[in-house]
Amino acid sequence: MKQFIKSLPKDGECFRYLCSKFPKLSEAKFKEGVFTGPDIRKLLSDSLFSETMGDKEKETSDSFKDAVHRFLENVKDPLYKIIVQRMLTAYEDQGCKMSLKVHFLLSHIVCFPENLGVYSQEQGERFYQDVCDIEKRYQGKWNVNMLTD
């Protein structure tokens, strides 16, 4: 979402709508695309936000929504690779830069569990479950260079 907001024209209707939707955010945060989870959820469900976009922005936004609902939520769609690839292509067409997080997602897409819903939703517990899986993957192969993974 951050890269999408940063790629919007600052004098465009879509960016002005964002400024009016979140009046308490500073201008610097808008320009850098810094939004919290609840703010992103508001934008995903806001139909007026979609109406202010051009065709290219709307396609990028729709691909992001699709990836959120069909891959990043509790159920992983069988076509998740196509969904993520479509999102990355739309972001590239929009002129967005690939962040390290998106690069990690693309590189480790096969490591995501088949059913994300079996994980506990308690705060922090899911993180520890994921870290445990990564530790199992690299058990006995500790190396300073692996700290970045």
N, C-alpha and C. Protein backbone atom coordinates (compact mmCIF):
# COMPACT_ATOMS: atom_id res chain seq x y z
N MET A 1 0.82 -1.18 0.00
CA MET A 1 0.00 0.00 0.00
C MET A 1 0.87 1.25 0.00
N LYS A 2 1.96 1.19 0.73
CA LYS A 2 2.87 2.34 0.82
C LYS A 2 3.38 2.73 -0.57
N GLN A 3 3.83 1.75 -1.34
CA GLN A 3 4.36 2.03 -2.67
C GLN A 3 3.28 2.57 -3.60
N PHE A 4 2.05 2.07 -3.44
CA PHE A 4 0.94 2.54 -4.25
C PHE A 4 0.65 4.01 -3.98
N ILE A 5 0.57 4.38 -2.71
CA ILE A 5 0.28 5.77 -2.33
C ILE A 5 1.40 6.69 -2.81
N LYS A 6 2.65 6.24 -2.69
CA LYS A 6 3.78 7.06 -3.12
C LYS A 6 3.78 7.29 -4.63
N SER A 7 3.18 6.35 -5.39
CA SER A 7 3.18 6.48 -6.85
C SER A 7 2.04 7.36 -7.37
N LEU A 8 1.08 7.70 -6.50
CA LEU A 8 -0.04 8.54 -6.94
C LEU A 8 0.44 9.97 -7.20
N PRO A 9 -0.12 10.63 -8.22
CA PRO A 9 0.23 12.04 -8.44
C PRO A 9 -0.26 12.88 -7.27
N LYS A 10 0.60 13.71 -6.73
CA LYS A 10 0.29 14.48 -5.53
C LYS A 10 -0.78 15.55 -5.77
N ASP A 11 -0.99 15.92 -7.02
CA ASP A 11 -2.02 16.91 -7.32
C ASP A 11 -3.28 16.26 -7.89
N GLY A 12 -3.34 14.92 -7.87
CA GLY A 12 -4.48 14.20 -8.43
C GLY A 12 -5.66 14.12 -7.48
N GLU A 13 -6.80 13.75 -8.05
CA GLU A 13 -8.04 13.65 -7.28
C GLU A 13 -7.96 12.57 -6.21
N CYS A 14 -7.32 11.48 -6.52
CA CYS A 14 -7.20 10.36 -5.59
C CYS A 14 -6.40 10.76 -4.34
N PHE A 15 -5.30 11.45 -4.54
CA PHE A 15 -4.47 11.89 -3.41
C PHE A 15 -5.21 12.92 -2.56
N ARG A 16 -5.94 13.82 -3.22
CA ARG A 16 -6.73 14.81 -2.47
C ARG A 16 -7.82 14.13 -1.64
N TYR A 17 -8.42 13.07 -2.20
CA TYR A 17 -9.44 12.33 -1.45
C TYR A 17 -8.82 11.70 -0.20
N LEU A 18 -7.62 11.15 -0.33
CA LEU A 18 -6.94 10.57 0.84
C LEU A 18 -6.71 11.63 1.92
N CYS A 19 -6.30 12.81 1.51
CA CYS A 19 -6.06 13.89 2.48
C CYS A 19 -7.35 14.27 3.21
N SER A 20 -8.47 14.26 2.49
CA SER A 20 -9.75 14.60 3.15
C SER A 20 -10.27 13.44 3.98
N LYS A 21 -9.95 12.22 3.61
CA LYS A 21 -10.41 11.03 4.35
C LYS A 21 -9.69 10.91 5.70
N PHE A 22 -8.41 11.24 5.73
CA PHE A 22 -7.60 11.14 6.95
C PHE A 22 -7.01 12.52 7.28
N PRO A 23 -7.82 13.44 7.79
CA PRO A 23 -7.32 14.81 8.03
C PRO A 23 -6.29 14.90 9.16
N LYS A 24 -6.22 13.91 10.03
CA LYS A 24 -5.29 13.98 11.16
C LYS A 24 -3.87 13.55 10.79
N LEU A 25 -3.70 12.90 9.64
CA LEU A 25 -2.36 12.49 9.22
C LEU A 25 -1.60 13.68 8.66
N SER A 26 -0.33 13.73 8.93
CA SER A 26 0.49 14.84 8.44
C SER A 26 0.76 14.69 6.94
N GLU A 27 1.12 15.77 6.32
CA GLU A 27 1.41 15.77 4.88
C GLU A 27 2.61 14.88 4.57
N ALA A 28 3.59 14.87 5.46
CA ALA A 28 4.77 14.03 5.26
C ALA A 28 4.39 12.55 5.25
N LYS A 29 3.48 12.15 6.14
CA LYS A 29 3.05 10.75 6.17
C LYS A 29 2.28 10.38 4.91
N PHE A 30 1.50 11.32 4.38
CA PHE A 30 0.80 11.06 3.12
C PHE A 30 1.78 10.85 1.99
N LYS A 31 2.76 11.74 1.88
CA LYS A 31 3.72 11.64 0.78
C LYS A 31 4.55 10.37 0.85
N GLU A 32 4.80 9.88 2.06
CA GLU A 32 5.57 8.64 2.23
C GLU A 32 4.68 7.40 2.24
N GLY A 33 3.37 7.59 2.24
CA GLY A 33 2.45 6.46 2.20
C GLY A 33 2.38 5.68 3.50
N VAL A 34 2.57 6.34 4.62
CA VAL A 34 2.57 5.67 5.92
C VAL A 34 1.13 5.57 6.43
N PHE A 35 0.59 4.36 6.45
CA PHE A 35 -0.75 4.10 6.95
C PHE A 35 -0.71 2.93 7.91
N THR A 36 -1.62 2.94 8.88
CA THR A 36 -1.73 1.82 9.82
C THR A 36 -2.69 0.78 9.25
N GLY A 37 -2.72 -0.38 9.88
CA GLY A 37 -3.60 -1.46 9.45
C GLY A 37 -5.07 -1.05 9.37
N PRO A 38 -5.61 -0.40 10.42
CA PRO A 38 -7.01 0.04 10.34
C PRO A 38 -7.27 1.03 9.20
N ASP A 39 -6.31 1.91 8.93
CA ASP A 39 -6.47 2.86 7.82
C ASP A 39 -6.52 2.12 6.48
N ILE A 40 -5.68 1.12 6.33
CA ILE A 40 -5.66 0.35 5.09
C ILE A 40 -6.98 -0.40 4.93
N ARG A 41 -7.51 -0.96 6.02
CA ARG A 41 -8.80 -1.66 5.95
C ARG A 41 -9.92 -0.70 5.55
N LYS A 42 -9.87 0.53 6.05
CA LYS A 42 -10.87 1.53 5.66
C LYS A 42 -10.80 1.80 4.16
N LEU A 43 -9.58 1.93 3.64
CA LEU A 43 -9.42 2.20 2.21
C LEU A 43 -9.87 1.02 1.36
N LEU A 44 -9.63 -0.20 1.82
CA LEU A 44 -10.02 -1.37 1.05
C LEU A 44 -11.54 -1.46 0.90
N SER A 45 -12.27 -0.99 1.90
CA SER A 45 -13.73 -1.09 1.85
C SER A 45 -14.40 0.20 1.36
N ASP A 46 -13.63 1.20 1.03
CA ASP A 46 -14.17 2.50 0.62
C ASP A 46 -14.38 2.53 -0.90
N SER A 47 -15.65 2.58 -1.33
CA SER A 47 -15.94 2.61 -2.76
C SER A 47 -15.66 3.98 -3.37
N LEU A 48 -15.76 5.05 -2.58
CA LEU A 48 -15.47 6.39 -3.10
C LEU A 48 -13.99 6.54 -3.46
N PHE A 49 -13.13 5.86 -2.70
CA PHE A 49 -11.70 5.90 -3.00
C PHE A 49 -11.44 5.31 -4.38
N SER A 50 -12.11 4.20 -4.70
CA SER A 50 -11.94 3.57 -6.01
C SER A 50 -12.45 4.46 -7.14
N GLU A 51 -13.51 5.22 -6.86
CA GLU A 51 -14.08 6.08 -7.90
C GLU A 51 -13.17 7.25 -8.26
N THR A 52 -12.29 7.65 -7.36
CA THR A 52 -11.40 8.79 -7.63
C THR A 52 -10.17 8.39 -8.45
N MET A 53 -9.98 7.10 -8.66
CA MET A 53 -8.78 6.60 -9.35
C MET A 53 -8.97 6.56 -10.86
N GLY A 54 -7.85 6.64 -11.55
CA GLY A 54 -7.83 6.39 -12.98
C GLY A 54 -7.82 4.89 -13.23
N ASP A 55 -7.79 4.50 -14.51
CA ASP A 55 -7.84 3.07 -14.85
C ASP A 55 -6.65 2.30 -14.32
N LYS A 56 -5.45 2.86 -14.49
CA LYS A 56 -4.24 2.17 -14.05
C LYS A 56 -4.20 2.03 -12.53
N GLU A 57 -4.56 3.10 -11.83
CA GLU A 57 -4.58 3.06 -10.36
C GLU A 57 -5.63 2.08 -9.86
N LYS A 58 -6.78 2.05 -10.53
CA LYS A 58 -7.87 1.15 -10.12
C LYS A 58 -7.44 -0.31 -10.30
N GLU A 59 -6.76 -0.61 -11.40
CA GLU A 59 -6.29 -1.98 -11.63
C GLU A 59 -5.28 -2.39 -10.55
N THR A 60 -4.39 -1.47 -10.19
CA THR A 60 -3.41 -1.75 -9.15
C THR A 60 -4.09 -1.96 -7.80
N SER A 61 -5.04 -1.10 -7.49
CA SER A 61 -5.77 -1.22 -6.23
C SER A 61 -6.57 -2.52 -6.17
N ASP A 62 -7.23 -2.87 -7.26
CA ASP A 62 -8.01 -4.12 -7.30
C ASP A 62 -7.12 -5.35 -7.13
N SER A 63 -5.94 -5.32 -7.73
CA SER A 63 -5.03 -6.47 -7.58
C SER A 63 -4.53 -6.57 -6.15
N PHE A 64 -4.31 -5.43 -5.48
CA PHE A 64 -3.90 -5.44 -4.08
C PHE A 64 -5.02 -6.00 -3.20
N LYS A 65 -6.25 -5.54 -3.43
CA LYS A 65 -7.40 -6.05 -2.67
C LYS A 65 -7.55 -7.56 -2.87
N ASP A 66 -7.39 -7.99 -4.10
CA ASP A 66 -7.49 -9.42 -4.42
C ASP A 66 -6.44 -10.22 -3.65
N ALA A 67 -5.21 -9.71 -3.62
CA ALA A 67 -4.14 -10.41 -2.90
C ALA A 67 -4.42 -10.43 -1.40
N VAL A 68 -4.94 -9.35 -0.86
CA VAL A 68 -5.25 -9.31 0.57
C VAL A 68 -6.33 -10.32 0.91
N HIS A 69 -7.41 -10.31 0.14
CA HIS A 69 -8.55 -11.16 0.48
C HIS A 69 -8.36 -12.63 0.11
N ARG A 70 -7.58 -12.91 -0.92
CA ARG A 70 -7.47 -14.29 -1.38
C ARG A 70 -6.13 -14.95 -1.07
N PHE A 71 -5.21 -14.19 -0.43
CA PHE A 71 -3.92 -14.78 -0.10
C PHE A 71 -3.47 -14.45 1.32
N LEU A 72 -3.54 -13.20 1.71
CA LEU A 72 -3.00 -12.79 3.01
C LEU A 72 -3.96 -13.00 4.17
N GLU A 73 -5.23 -13.25 3.89
CA GLU A 73 -6.16 -13.53 4.98
C GLU A 73 -6.03 -15.00 5.38
N ASN A 74 -7.00 -15.52 6.09
CA ASN A 74 -6.88 -16.85 6.68
C ASN A 74 -6.97 -18.01 5.70
N VAL A 75 -7.42 -17.79 4.49
CA VAL A 75 -7.54 -18.87 3.53
C VAL A 75 -6.70 -18.53 2.30
N LYS A 76 -5.87 -19.48 1.89
CA LYS A 76 -5.02 -19.26 0.73
C LYS A 76 -5.71 -19.85 -0.50
N ASP A 77 -5.97 -19.02 -1.48
CA ASP A 77 -6.61 -19.45 -2.72
C ASP A 77 -5.67 -20.39 -3.48
N PRO A 78 -6.21 -21.42 -4.15
CA PRO A 78 -5.34 -22.33 -4.92
C PRO A 78 -4.55 -21.61 -6.03
N LEU A 79 -5.06 -20.49 -6.49
CA LEU A 79 -4.38 -19.73 -7.55
C LEU A 79 -3.55 -18.58 -6.98
N TYR A 80 -3.03 -18.76 -5.78
CA TYR A 80 -2.34 -17.66 -5.09
C TYR A 80 -1.12 -17.16 -5.86
N LYS A 81 -0.42 -18.02 -6.56
CA LYS A 81 0.77 -17.56 -7.30
C LYS A 81 0.37 -16.60 -8.41
N ILE A 82 -0.73 -16.89 -9.09
CA ILE A 82 -1.21 -16.01 -10.16
C ILE A 82 -1.69 -14.69 -9.57
N ILE A 83 -2.35 -14.75 -8.41
CA ILE A 83 -2.86 -13.54 -7.75
C ILE A 83 -1.71 -12.62 -7.37
N VAL A 84 -0.68 -13.18 -6.76
CA VAL A 84 0.47 -12.37 -6.34
C VAL A 84 1.23 -11.84 -7.56
N GLN A 85 1.38 -12.66 -8.59
CA GLN A 85 2.08 -12.22 -9.80
C GLN A 85 1.31 -11.08 -10.48
N ARG A 86 -0.03 -11.18 -10.50
CA ARG A 86 -0.86 -10.12 -11.07
C ARG A 86 -0.68 -8.82 -10.30
N MET A 87 -0.62 -8.93 -8.97
CA MET A 87 -0.43 -7.74 -8.15
C MET A 87 0.94 -7.10 -8.44
N LEU A 88 1.98 -7.91 -8.52
CA LEU A 88 3.32 -7.38 -8.77
C LEU A 88 3.41 -6.73 -10.15
N THR A 89 2.76 -7.33 -11.15
CA THR A 89 2.75 -6.76 -12.49
C THR A 89 2.02 -5.42 -12.51
N ALA A 90 0.88 -5.36 -11.82
CA ALA A 90 0.12 -4.11 -11.76
C ALA A 90 0.92 -3.02 -11.05
N TYR A 91 1.61 -3.38 -9.98
CA TYR A 91 2.44 -2.41 -9.26
C TYR A 91 3.59 -1.92 -10.14
N GLU A 92 4.17 -2.82 -10.91
CA GLU A 92 5.26 -2.43 -11.81
C GLU A 92 4.74 -1.49 -12.90
N ASP A 93 3.56 -1.78 -13.45
CA ASP A 93 2.97 -0.91 -14.47
C ASP A 93 2.63 0.47 -13.90
N GLN A 94 2.29 0.52 -12.62
CA GLN A 94 1.96 1.77 -11.94
C GLN A 94 3.23 2.60 -11.69
N GLY A 95 4.39 1.96 -11.73
CA GLY A 95 5.64 2.65 -11.47
C GLY A 95 6.08 2.54 -10.03
N CYS A 96 5.54 1.58 -9.31
CA CYS A 96 5.90 1.38 -7.90
C CYS A 96 7.21 0.60 -7.81
N LYS A 97 8.00 0.93 -6.82
CA LYS A 97 9.24 0.20 -6.58
C LYS A 97 8.94 -1.02 -5.72
N MET A 98 9.67 -2.11 -5.97
CA MET A 98 9.47 -3.31 -5.17
C MET A 98 10.24 -3.18 -3.87
N SER A 99 9.50 -3.20 -2.77
CA SER A 99 10.15 -3.09 -1.46
C SER A 99 10.74 -4.44 -1.07
N LEU A 100 11.54 -4.43 -0.04
CA LEU A 100 12.16 -5.66 0.45
C LEU A 100 11.10 -6.65 0.92
N LYS A 101 10.01 -6.15 1.52
CA LYS A 101 8.94 -7.03 1.99
C LYS A 101 8.27 -7.75 0.83
N VAL A 102 8.01 -7.04 -0.26
CA VAL A 102 7.38 -7.66 -1.42
C VAL A 102 8.34 -8.64 -2.07
N HIS A 103 9.61 -8.29 -2.12
CA HIS A 103 10.61 -9.20 -2.66
C HIS A 103 10.67 -10.48 -1.82
N PHE A 104 10.60 -10.36 -0.49
CA PHE A 104 10.59 -11.51 0.40
C PHE A 104 9.36 -12.37 0.13
N LEU A 105 8.19 -11.72 -0.05
CA LEU A 105 6.96 -12.44 -0.34
C LEU A 105 7.10 -13.24 -1.62
N LEU A 106 7.62 -12.62 -2.66
CA LEU A 106 7.78 -13.30 -3.94
C LEU A 106 8.79 -14.44 -3.85
N SER A 107 9.89 -14.23 -3.15
CA SER A 107 10.93 -15.24 -3.05
C SER A 107 10.52 -16.44 -2.20
N HIS A 108 9.68 -16.22 -1.20
CA HIS A 108 9.31 -17.28 -0.26
C HIS A 108 7.84 -17.68 -0.38
N ILE A 109 7.25 -17.47 -1.54
CA ILE A 109 5.83 -17.73 -1.70
C ILE A 109 5.47 -19.20 -1.51
N VAL A 110 6.39 -20.09 -1.84
CA VAL A 110 6.11 -21.52 -1.68
C VAL A 110 6.20 -21.96 -0.22
N CYS A 111 6.77 -21.15 0.65
CA CYS A 111 6.92 -21.50 2.07
C CYS A 111 5.68 -21.18 2.89
N PHE A 112 4.71 -20.45 2.32
CA PHE A 112 3.51 -20.12 3.08
C PHE A 112 2.69 -21.38 3.29
N PRO A 113 2.12 -21.55 4.46
CA PRO A 113 1.33 -22.75 4.73
C PRO A 113 0.10 -22.83 3.84
N GLU A 114 -0.35 -24.05 3.55
CA GLU A 114 -1.50 -24.25 2.68
C GLU A 114 -2.77 -23.67 3.28
N ASN A 115 -2.95 -23.83 4.57
CA ASN A 115 -4.14 -23.31 5.21
C ASN A 115 -3.71 -22.33 6.29
N LEU A 116 -3.77 -21.07 5.98
CA LEU A 116 -3.35 -20.06 6.93
C LEU A 116 -4.31 -19.97 8.12
N GLY A 117 -5.53 -20.48 7.97
CA GLY A 117 -6.53 -20.41 9.02
C GLY A 117 -6.25 -21.29 10.21
N VAL A 118 -5.35 -22.27 10.11
CA VAL A 118 -5.08 -23.14 11.25
C VAL A 118 -4.21 -22.44 12.29
N TYR A 119 -3.67 -21.30 11.96
CA TYR A 119 -2.82 -20.57 12.89
C TYR A 119 -3.68 -19.81 13.89
N SER A 120 -3.19 -19.67 15.07
CA SER A 120 -3.89 -18.93 16.12
C SER A 120 -3.90 -17.45 15.78
N GLN A 121 -4.99 -16.79 16.10
CA GLN A 121 -5.11 -15.37 15.83
C GLN A 121 -4.71 -14.51 17.02
N GLU A 122 -4.25 -15.13 18.10
CA GLU A 122 -3.83 -14.36 19.27
C GLU A 122 -2.63 -13.50 18.91
N GLN A 123 -2.59 -12.32 19.50
CA GLN A 123 -1.55 -11.36 19.17
C GLN A 123 -0.16 -11.92 19.48
N GLY A 124 0.70 -11.91 18.49
CA GLY A 124 2.08 -12.34 18.68
C GLY A 124 2.30 -13.82 18.49
N GLU A 125 1.29 -14.65 18.73
CA GLU A 125 1.51 -16.09 18.66
C GLU A 125 1.81 -16.54 17.23
N ARG A 126 1.14 -15.94 16.26
CA ARG A 126 1.37 -16.32 14.88
C ARG A 126 2.81 -16.04 14.47
N PHE A 127 3.35 -14.92 14.92
CA PHE A 127 4.74 -14.58 14.63
C PHE A 127 5.67 -15.68 15.13
N TYR A 128 5.45 -16.12 16.36
CA TYR A 128 6.32 -17.14 16.94
C TYR A 128 6.17 -18.48 16.22
N GLN A 129 4.98 -18.78 15.72
CA GLN A 129 4.79 -20.00 14.94
C GLN A 129 5.58 -19.92 13.63
N ASP A 130 5.54 -18.76 12.98
CA ASP A 130 6.29 -18.59 11.73
C ASP A 130 7.79 -18.65 11.97
N VAL A 131 8.27 -18.02 13.04
CA VAL A 131 9.69 -18.04 13.37
C VAL A 131 10.13 -19.47 13.67
N CYS A 132 9.28 -20.22 14.34
CA CYS A 132 9.59 -21.62 14.65
C CYS A 132 9.79 -22.41 13.36
N ASP A 133 8.94 -22.17 12.36
CA ASP A 133 9.08 -22.85 11.07
C ASP A 133 10.40 -22.49 10.39
N ILE A 134 10.77 -21.21 10.45
CA ILE A 134 12.03 -20.78 9.84
C ILE A 134 13.22 -21.39 10.58
N GLU A 135 13.14 -21.46 11.91
CA GLU A 135 14.22 -22.08 12.69
C GLU A 135 14.37 -23.56 12.34
N LYS A 136 13.27 -24.25 12.14
CA LYS A 136 13.33 -25.67 11.76
C LYS A 136 13.98 -25.82 10.39
N ARG A 137 13.70 -24.88 9.49
CA ARG A 137 14.25 -24.96 8.15
C ARG A 137 15.78 -24.84 8.16
N TYR A 138 16.32 -23.99 9.05
CA TYR A 138 17.76 -23.75 9.08
C TYR A 138 18.46 -24.42 10.26
N GLN A 139 17.80 -25.35 10.93
CA GLN A 139 18.39 -25.99 12.10
C GLN A 139 19.68 -26.71 11.73
N GLY A 140 20.73 -26.43 12.46
CA GLY A 140 22.02 -27.07 12.21
C GLY A 140 22.83 -26.40 11.12
N LYS A 141 22.29 -25.37 10.47
CA LYS A 141 23.00 -24.70 9.38
C LYS A 141 23.23 -23.23 9.71
N TRP A 142 23.44 -22.92 10.98
CA TRP A 142 23.57 -21.53 11.37
C TRP A 142 24.77 -20.88 10.72
N ASN A 143 24.57 -19.67 10.22
CA ASN A 143 25.60 -18.93 9.54
C ASN A 143 25.25 -17.44 9.70
N VAL A 144 26.25 -16.60 9.80
CA VAL A 144 26.01 -15.16 9.96
C VAL A 144 25.20 -14.63 8.79
N ASN A 145 25.43 -15.13 7.59
CA ASN A 145 24.72 -14.66 6.41
C ASN A 145 23.24 -15.01 6.43
N MET A 146 22.83 -15.99 7.23
CA MET A 146 21.43 -16.38 7.30
C MET A 146 20.62 -15.49 8.22
N LEU A 147 21.25 -14.58 8.92
CA LEU A 147 20.52 -13.70 9.82
C LEU A 147 19.53 -12.81 9.08
N THR A 148 19.79 -12.52 7.82
CA THR A 148 18.88 -11.67 7.06
C THR A 148 17.60 -12.39 6.69
N ASP A 149 17.60 -13.71 6.67
CA ASP A 149 16.39 -14.46 6.34
C ASP A 149 15.57 -14.55 7.58
